[in-house]
Amino acid sequence: DIRHMGALRTAMPFVFVAFAVAGSALAGVPLFSGFVSKEVIAAQLVGMAWIEPVRWLWVIVFFATSFLTVL
C-alpha cells in the first residue's frame, strides 16, 4: 500500500544517507563523481562542436539528458 511508504530517514538512517549521496552523484551535484564525469564529457562535446558545427546537436542532446537525469 503506497500510503504506508515513506519515513525512510527515521526508519533506516544509513540507507537514507546512502540514497541521498548516490542520488547527488547521479544528478551531477558538484564535488561528487557524477559532476566530474559530466563536466569532462560536456567540455569535450563543446570543444568538438566548435570545430564541426553539426555536433551542436550532440551538445543539446547531452544537456537535455543530463537535465532529465536530475528530474
PDB file of N, CA and C in Angstrom:
ATOM      1  N   ASP A   1       0.847  -1.177   0.000  1.00  0.00           N
ATOM      2  CA  ASP A   1       0.000   0.000   0.000  1.00  0.00           C
ATOM      3  C   ASP A   1       0.891   1.238   0.000  1.00  0.00           C
ATOM      4  N   ILE A   2       0.716   2.108  -0.978  1.00  0.00           N
ATOM      5  CA  ILE A   2       1.555   3.292  -1.162  1.00  0.00           C
ATOM      6  C   ILE A   2       1.405   4.288  -0.009  1.00  0.00           C
ATOM      7  N   ARG A   3       0.304   4.251   0.692  1.00  0.00           N
ATOM      8  CA  ARG A   3       0.111   5.189   1.803  1.00  0.00           C
ATOM      9  C   ARG A   3       1.028   4.887   2.976  1.00  0.00           C
ATOM     10  N   HIS A   4       1.535   3.669   3.064  1.00  0.00           N
ATOM     11  CA  HIS A   4       2.430   3.286   4.153  1.00  0.00           C
ATOM     12  C   HIS A   4       3.906   3.444   3.788  1.00  0.00           C
ATOM     13  N   MET A   5       4.180   3.926   2.565  1.00  0.00           N
ATOM     14  CA  MET A   5       5.557   4.149   2.132  1.00  0.00           C
ATOM     15  C   MET A   5       6.044   5.476   2.723  1.00  0.00           C
ATOM     16  N   GLY A   6       7.327   5.630   2.857  1.00  0.00           N
ATOM     17  CA  GLY A   6       7.891   6.879   3.342  1.00  0.00           C
ATOM     18  C   GLY A   6       8.590   6.689   4.674  1.00  0.00           C
ATOM     19  N   ALA A   7       9.031   7.767   5.267  1.00  0.00           N
ATOM     20  CA  ALA A   7       9.736   7.783   6.548  1.00  0.00           C
ATOM     21  C   ALA A   7      11.017   6.975   6.502  1.00  0.00           C
ATOM     22  N   LEU A   8      11.702   7.028   5.347  1.00  0.00           N
ATOM     23  CA  LEU A   8      12.956   6.303   5.203  1.00  0.00           C
ATOM     24  C   LEU A   8      14.015   6.858   6.151  1.00  0.00           C
ATOM     25  N   ARG A   9      14.017   8.152   6.336  1.00  0.00           N
ATOM     26  CA  ARG A   9      15.023   8.784   7.192  1.00  0.00           C
ATOM     27  C   ARG A   9      14.930   8.314   8.636  1.00  0.00           C
ATOM     28  N   THR A  10      13.735   8.152   9.145  1.00  0.00           N
ATOM     29  CA  THR A  10      13.597   7.739  10.539  1.00  0.00           C
ATOM     30  C   THR A  10      13.711   6.226  10.700  1.00  0.00           C
ATOM     31  N   ALA A  11      13.256   5.466   9.702  1.00  0.00           N
ATOM     32  CA  ALA A  11      13.290   4.007   9.820  1.00  0.00           C
ATOM     33  C   ALA A  11      14.682   3.441   9.559  1.00  0.00           C
ATOM     34  N   MET A  12      15.374   3.966   8.524  1.00  0.00           N
ATOM     35  CA  MET A  12      16.698   3.466   8.151  1.00  0.00           C
ATOM     36  C   MET A  12      17.604   4.645   7.804  1.00  0.00           C
ATOM     37  N   PRO A  13      18.214   5.279   8.803  1.00  0.00           N
ATOM     38  CA  PRO A  13      19.001   6.491   8.532  1.00  0.00           C
ATOM     39  C   PRO A  13      20.220   6.247   7.648  1.00  0.00           C
ATOM     40  N   PHE A  14      20.891   5.096   7.782  1.00  0.00           N
ATOM     41  CA  PHE A  14      22.064   4.820   6.938  1.00  0.00           C
ATOM     42  C   PHE A  14      21.663   4.692   5.472  1.00  0.00           C
ATOM     43  N   VAL A  15      20.570   4.023   5.212  1.00  0.00           N
ATOM     44  CA  VAL A  15      20.077   3.863   3.843  1.00  0.00           C
ATOM     45  C   VAL A  15      19.662   5.218   3.274  1.00  0.00           C
ATOM     46  N   PHE A  16      19.074   6.058   4.102  1.00  0.00           N
ATOM     47  CA  PHE A  16      18.682   7.393   3.655  1.00  0.00           C
ATOM     48  C   PHE A  16      19.894   8.205   3.214  1.00  0.00           C
ATOM     49  N   VAL A  17      20.962   8.180   3.999  1.00  0.00           N
ATOM     50  CA  VAL A  17      22.184   8.921   3.651  1.00  0.00           C
ATOM     51  C   VAL A  17      22.810   8.340   2.381  1.00  0.00           C
ATOM     52  N   ALA A  18      22.881   7.011   2.289  1.00  0.00           N
ATOM     53  CA  ALA A  18      23.445   6.376   1.103  1.00  0.00           C
ATOM     54  C   ALA A  18      22.618   6.728  -0.144  1.00  0.00           C
ATOM     55  N   PHE A  19      21.316   6.737  -0.017  1.00  0.00           N
ATOM     56  CA  PHE A  19      20.439   7.097  -1.125  1.00  0.00           C
ATOM     57  C   PHE A  19      20.644   8.550  -1.530  1.00  0.00           C
ATOM     58  N   ALA A  20      20.784   9.441  -0.570  1.00  0.00           N
ATOM     59  CA  ALA A  20      20.992  10.866  -0.867  1.00  0.00           C
ATOM     60  C   ALA A  20      22.330  11.092  -1.561  1.00  0.00           C
ATOM     61  N   VAL A  21      23.387  10.425  -1.105  1.00  0.00           N
ATOM     62  CA  VAL A  21      24.705  10.567  -1.731  1.00  0.00           C
ATOM     63  C   VAL A  21      24.691  10.004  -3.148  1.00  0.00           C
ATOM     64  N   ALA A  22      24.106   8.832  -3.332  1.00  0.00           N
ATOM     65  CA  ALA A  22      24.045   8.220  -4.661  1.00  0.00           C
ATOM     66  C   ALA A  22      23.203   9.063  -5.620  1.00  0.00           C
ATOM     67  N   GLY A  23      22.109   9.589  -5.135  1.00  0.00           N
ATOM     68  CA  GLY A  23      21.279  10.449  -5.968  1.00  0.00           C
ATOM     69  C   GLY A  23      21.984  11.739  -6.347  1.00  0.00           C
ATOM     70  N   SER A  24      22.761  12.283  -5.434  1.00  0.00           N
ATOM     71  CA  SER A  24      23.520  13.501  -5.725  1.00  0.00           C
ATOM     72  C   SER A  24      24.594  13.247  -6.774  1.00  0.00           C
ATOM     73  N   ALA A  25      25.261  12.119  -6.674  1.00  0.00           N
ATOM     74  CA  ALA A  25      26.283  11.775  -7.664  1.00  0.00           C
ATOM     75  C   ALA A  25      25.648  11.547  -9.034  1.00  0.00           C
ATOM     76  N   LEU A  26      24.513  10.905  -9.069  1.00  0.00           N
ATOM     77  CA  LEU A  26      23.819  10.641 -10.322  1.00  0.00           C
ATOM     78  C   LEU A  26      23.325  11.935 -10.952  1.00  0.00           C
ATOM     79  N   ALA A  27      22.892  12.875 -10.144  1.00  0.00           N
ATOM     80  CA  ALA A  27      22.385  14.146 -10.652  1.00  0.00           C
ATOM     81  C   ALA A  27      23.495  15.088 -11.095  1.00  0.00           C
ATOM     82  N   GLY A  28      24.736  14.810 -10.719  1.00  0.00           N
ATOM     83  CA  GLY A  28      25.845  15.659 -11.124  1.00  0.00           C
ATOM     84  C   GLY A  28      26.065  16.845 -10.209  1.00  0.00           C
ATOM     85  N   VAL A  29      25.774  16.700  -8.953  1.00  0.00           N
ATOM     86  CA  VAL A  29      25.981  17.761  -7.978  1.00  0.00           C
ATOM     87  C   VAL A  29      27.493  17.966  -7.808  1.00  0.00           C
ATOM     88  N   PRO A  30      27.971  19.223  -7.770  1.00  0.00           N
ATOM     89  CA  PRO A  30      29.413  19.459  -7.616  1.00  0.00           C
ATOM     90  C   PRO A  30      29.997  18.750  -6.395  1.00  0.00           C
ATOM     91  N   LEU A  31      31.234  18.341  -6.524  1.00  0.00           N
ATOM     92  CA  LEU A  31      32.034  17.626  -5.535  1.00  0.00           C
ATOM     93  C   LEU A  31      31.687  16.135  -5.460  1.00  0.00           C
ATOM     94  N   PHE A  32      30.859  15.646  -6.345  1.00  0.00           N
ATOM     95  CA  PHE A  32      30.575  14.223  -6.448  1.00  0.00           C
ATOM     96  C   PHE A  32      31.130  13.717  -7.779  1.00  0.00           C
ATOM     97  N   SER A  33      31.300  12.416  -7.886  1.00  0.00           N
ATOM     98  CA  SER A  33      31.926  11.849  -9.073  1.00  0.00           C
ATOM     99  C   SER A  33      31.111  12.088 -10.341  1.00  0.00           C
ATOM    100  N   GLY A  34      29.815  12.108 -10.243  1.00  0.00           N
ATOM    101  CA  GLY A  34      28.977  12.338 -11.413  1.00  0.00           C
ATOM    102  C   GLY A  34      29.198  13.712 -12.011  1.00  0.00           C
ATOM    103  N   PHE A  35      29.497  14.697 -11.185  1.00  0.00           N
ATOM    104  CA  PHE A  35      29.742  16.049 -11.679  1.00  0.00           C
ATOM    105  C   PHE A  35      31.019  16.089 -12.503  1.00  0.00           C
ATOM    106  N   VAL A  36      32.064  15.439 -12.016  1.00  0.00           N
ATOM    107  CA  VAL A  36      33.356  15.461 -12.710  1.00  0.00           C
ATOM    108  C   VAL A  36      33.230  14.791 -14.072  1.00  0.00           C
ATOM    109  N   SER A  37      32.600  13.639 -14.124  1.00  0.00           N
ATOM    110  CA  SER A  37      32.477  12.938 -15.403  1.00  0.00           C
ATOM    111  C   SER A  37      31.595  13.714 -16.375  1.00  0.00           C
ATOM    112  N   LYS A  38      30.503  14.293 -15.898  1.00  0.00           N
ATOM    113  CA  LYS A  38      29.638  15.070 -16.790  1.00  0.00           C
ATOM    114  C   LYS A  38      30.336  16.335 -17.268  1.00  0.00           C
ATOM    115  N   GLU A  39      31.146  16.932 -16.406  1.00  0.00           N
ATOM    116  CA  GLU A  39      31.854  18.140 -16.796  1.00  0.00           C
ATOM    117  C   GLU A  39      32.862  17.846 -17.901  1.00  0.00           C
ATOM    118  N   VAL A  40      33.573  16.738 -17.784  1.00  0.00           N
ATOM    119  CA  VAL A  40      34.572  16.367 -18.794  1.00  0.00           C
ATOM    120  C   VAL A  40      33.886  16.043 -20.122  1.00  0.00           C
ATOM    121  N   ILE A  41      32.799  15.304 -20.074  1.00  0.00           N
ATOM    122  CA  ILE A  41      32.068  14.972 -21.301  1.00  0.00           C
ATOM    123  C   ILE A  41      31.536  16.241 -21.960  1.00  0.00           C
ATOM    124  N   ALA A  42      30.978  17.139 -21.172  1.00  0.00           N
ATOM    125  CA  ALA A  42      30.440  18.386 -21.725  1.00  0.00           C
ATOM    126  C   ALA A  42      31.550  19.235 -22.340  1.00  0.00           C
ATOM    127  N   ALA A  43      32.681  19.308 -21.688  1.00  0.00           N
ATOM    128  CA  ALA A  43      33.798  20.090 -22.229  1.00  0.00           C
ATOM    129  C   ALA A  43      34.281  19.521 -23.556  1.00  0.00           C
ATOM    130  N   GLN A  44      34.369  18.208 -23.655  1.00  0.00           N
ATOM    131  CA  GLN A  44      34.793  17.584 -24.915  1.00  0.00           C
ATOM    132  C   GLN A  44      33.767  17.827 -26.021  1.00  0.00           C
ATOM    133  N   LEU A  45      32.501  17.698 -25.696  1.00  0.00           N
ATOM    134  CA  LEU A  45      31.469  17.914 -26.709  1.00  0.00           C
ATOM    135  C   LEU A  45      31.464  19.352 -27.217  1.00  0.00           C
ATOM    136  N   VAL A  46      31.579  20.289 -26.318  1.00  0.00           N
ATOM    137  CA  VAL A  46      31.589  21.699 -26.736  1.00  0.00           C
ATOM    138  C   VAL A  46      32.841  21.999 -27.544  1.00  0.00           C
ATOM    139  N   GLY A  47      33.970  21.431 -27.141  1.00  0.00           N
ATOM    140  CA  GLY A  47      35.205  21.632 -27.898  1.00  0.00           C
ATOM    141  C   GLY A  47      35.103  21.088 -29.313  1.00  0.00           C
ATOM    142  N   MET A  48      34.502  19.920 -29.466  1.00  0.00           N
ATOM    143  CA  MET A  48      34.337  19.347 -30.797  1.00  0.00           C
ATOM    144  C   MET A  48      33.297  20.110 -31.603  1.00  0.00           C
ATOM    145  N   ALA A  49      32.310  20.682 -30.952  1.00  0.00           N
ATOM    146  CA  ALA A  49      31.260  21.415 -31.665  1.00  0.00           C
ATOM    147  C   ALA A  49      31.805  22.698 -32.276  1.00  0.00           C
ATOM    148  N   TRP A  50      32.821  23.291 -31.682  1.00  0.00           N
ATOM    149  CA  TRP A  50      33.409  24.497 -32.269  1.00  0.00           C
ATOM    150  C   TRP A  50      34.126  24.157 -33.568  1.00  0.00           C
ATOM    151  N   ILE A  51      34.648  22.937 -33.656  1.00  0.00           N
ATOM    152  CA  ILE A  51      35.353  22.516 -34.871  1.00  0.00           C
ATOM    153  C   ILE A  51      34.350  22.134 -35.959  1.00  0.00           C
ATOM    154  N   GLU A  52      33.339  21.411 -35.595  1.00  0.00           N
ATOM    155  CA  GLU A  52      32.335  20.917 -36.535  1.00  0.00           C
ATOM    156  C   GLU A  52      30.955  21.325 -36.034  1.00  0.00           C
ATOM    157  N   PRO A  53      30.356  22.368 -36.600  1.00  0.00           N
ATOM    158  CA  PRO A  53      29.097  22.908 -36.069  1.00  0.00           C
ATOM    159  C   PRO A  53      27.931  21.924 -36.016  1.00  0.00           C
ATOM    160  N   VAL A  54      27.964  20.872 -36.818  1.00  0.00           N
ATOM    161  CA  VAL A  54      26.870  19.896 -36.795  1.00  0.00           C
ATOM    162  C   VAL A  54      26.795  19.203 -35.437  1.00  0.00           C
ATOM    163  N   ARG A  55      27.877  19.162 -34.726  1.00  0.00           N
ATOM    164  CA  ARG A  55      27.917  18.466 -33.436  1.00  0.00           C
ATOM    165  C   ARG A  55      27.220  19.220 -32.311  1.00  0.00           C
ATOM    166  N   TRP A  56      26.729  20.416 -32.569  1.00  0.00           N
ATOM    167  CA  TRP A  56      25.975  21.125 -31.531  1.00  0.00           C
ATOM    168  C   TRP A  56      24.714  20.359 -31.157  1.00  0.00           C
ATOM    169  N   LEU A  57      24.228  19.546 -32.087  1.00  0.00           N
ATOM    170  CA  LEU A  57      23.077  18.701 -31.783  1.00  0.00           C
ATOM    171  C   LEU A  57      23.408  17.743 -30.640  1.00  0.00           C
ATOM    172  N   TRP A  58      24.613  17.186 -30.640  1.00  0.00           N
ATOM    173  CA  TRP A  58      25.023  16.283 -29.559  1.00  0.00           C
ATOM    174  C   TRP A  58      25.147  17.023 -28.236  1.00  0.00           C
ATOM    175  N   VAL A  59      25.579  18.268 -28.299  1.00  0.00           N
ATOM    176  CA  VAL A  59      25.669  19.076 -27.070  1.00  0.00           C
ATOM    177  C   VAL A  59      24.272  19.287 -26.493  1.00  0.00           C
ATOM    178  N   ILE A  60      23.320  19.604 -27.345  1.00  0.00           N
ATOM    179  CA  ILE A  60      21.942  19.811 -26.890  1.00  0.00           C
ATOM    180  C   ILE A  60      21.367  18.527 -26.314  1.00  0.00           C
ATOM    181  N   VAL A  61      21.614  17.404 -26.989  1.00  0.00           N
ATOM    182  CA  VAL A  61      21.115  16.117 -26.502  1.00  0.00           C
ATOM    183  C   VAL A  61      21.750  15.779 -25.156  1.00  0.00           C
ATOM    184  N   PHE A  62      23.045  16.022 -25.009  1.00  0.00           N
ATOM    185  CA  PHE A  62      23.726  15.726 -23.747  1.00  0.00           C
ATOM    186  C   PHE A  62      23.147  16.531 -22.594  1.00  0.00           C
ATOM    187  N   PHE A  63      22.969  17.831 -22.792  1.00  0.00           N
ATOM    188  CA  PHE A  63      22.448  18.658 -21.705  1.00  0.00           C
ATOM    189  C   PHE A  63      20.983  18.345 -21.408  1.00  0.00           C
ATOM    190  N   ALA A  64      20.223  17.970 -22.423  1.00  0.00           N
ATOM    191  CA  ALA A  64      18.830  17.583 -22.193  1.00  0.00           C
ATOM    192  C   ALA A  64      18.766  16.299 -21.359  1.00  0.00           C
ATOM    193  N   THR A  65      19.589  15.314 -21.700  1.00  0.00           N
ATOM    194  CA  THR A  65      19.576  14.071 -20.918  1.00  0.00           C
ATOM    195  C   THR A  65      20.129  14.275 -19.518  1.00  0.00           C
ATOM    196  N   SER A  66      21.106  15.159 -19.369  1.00  0.00           N
ATOM    197  CA  SER A  66      21.602  15.467 -18.030  1.00  0.00           C
ATOM    198  C   SER A  66      20.522  16.113 -17.180  1.00  0.00           C
ATOM    199  N   PHE A  67      19.759  16.989 -17.784  1.00  0.00           N
ATOM    200  CA  PHE A  67      18.666  17.627 -17.059  1.00  0.00           C
ATOM    201  C   PHE A  67      17.588  16.610 -16.681  1.00  0.00           C
ATOM    202  N   LEU A  68      17.269  15.706 -17.607  1.00  0.00           N
ATOM    203  CA  LEU A  68      16.265  14.691 -17.323  1.00  0.00           C
ATOM    204  C   LEU A  68      16.732  13.725 -16.243  1.00  0.00           C
ATOM    205  N   THR A  69      18.037  13.497 -16.143  1.00  0.00           N
ATOM    206  CA  THR A  69      18.571  12.637 -15.082  1.00  0.00           C
ATOM    207  C   THR A  69      18.261  13.239 -13.710  1.00  0.00           C
ATOM    208  N   VAL A  70      18.365  14.534 -13.604  1.00  0.00           N
ATOM    209  CA  VAL A  70      18.077  15.204 -12.340  1.00  0.00           C
ATOM    210  C   VAL A  70      16.606  15.054 -11.976  1.00  0.00           C
ATOM    211  N   LEU A  71      15.757  15.153 -12.984  1.00  0.00           N
ATOM    212  CA  LEU A  71      14.323  15.007 -12.712  1.00  0.00           C
ATOM    213  C   LEU A  71      14.013  13.612 -12.255  1.00  0.00           C
TER     214      LEU A  71
END
